[in-house]
Amino acid sequence: MTKHKLKIFIDFDGTITKKDVGEEIILNFGDPEKAFKLIELWMADKLNSGELWLKLYETIKSLDEIEFNKFLNSFEIDDYFQDFISFCKENDLEVVVLSDGFDYYISRILFNSKLDDLPAYSNKLKINYPSDFSLEFPHSDSECTQCANCKRNHIINNSSEDDFTIYIGDGYSDKCPAQFTDYIFAKRSLLKFCDANRISYFPFNNFKDVMERVNSLVNKKRLKKRHQAELKRRKVYAQG
């Protein structure tokens, strides 16, 4: 197997970053009490992600541009993420960032970390300060009833049946894409979902753990696709 057959897809909030940026924005500038109630509805599948985000941003009454951007600049990425990306480049491994969050802060944080060359698919946020928020969901899918940014579609569109796919994530929004990938790195909510649904995964604490495991996959003579993920992908390929 050649190295370029591995395709890596990575969640942003709480996976690349040490904290969930989207969540922290609402907790610091919105109404936390309302937010927790809305998130409970989302986790009970009574709201999809797009509906959730629209309602969450309604709880933000105003933002000061300088204060808000300073707040965003304070977020740190995983201590080993830059090393992991260097490793991927050295081994010709394709990396794509998939987020149910927003480009406004993702592009800023990646730029601050000198990683703005990474391809990233996310929702879009435009702010006309202090209180006009325009939220757009260009990657939504009418067949996907939960996601604002359908990560599954990005995995399908950016890989082929010959590829071995990897997904790295931590949250509730990662449960859909994880079902379509061969190798899963999981922590927090995603780990619990994989356990509950008997989906094989590698637990991880940071990207040093991920890098060591991916290195072993790169150097393995033979890789095996995850059967259930392969069946799910083939079903979508057939529909296309």
Foldseek 3Di string as FASTA:
>chain_A
DALQLEEEEEEDACAFWVHRVVVVCLVVQFDVVVLVVLVVCLVVVNAALVRSVVVSLVRGAWDDVVVVVVVLQPIDTFPCPVVLVVLCVVRVYAYEYEYQAEPVSVCVRCVSVVNNVHHYDYWYWDDDGIRDIDTGQPQDDPVDSHGSHPVLVVVLVVHDLSHQYEYEDEDPSCCVNLQQHFEYEYHHPNVVSCVVVVNDYHYDDGVVVVSVVVVCVNPDPDDDGDVRNSVVSVVVVVVD
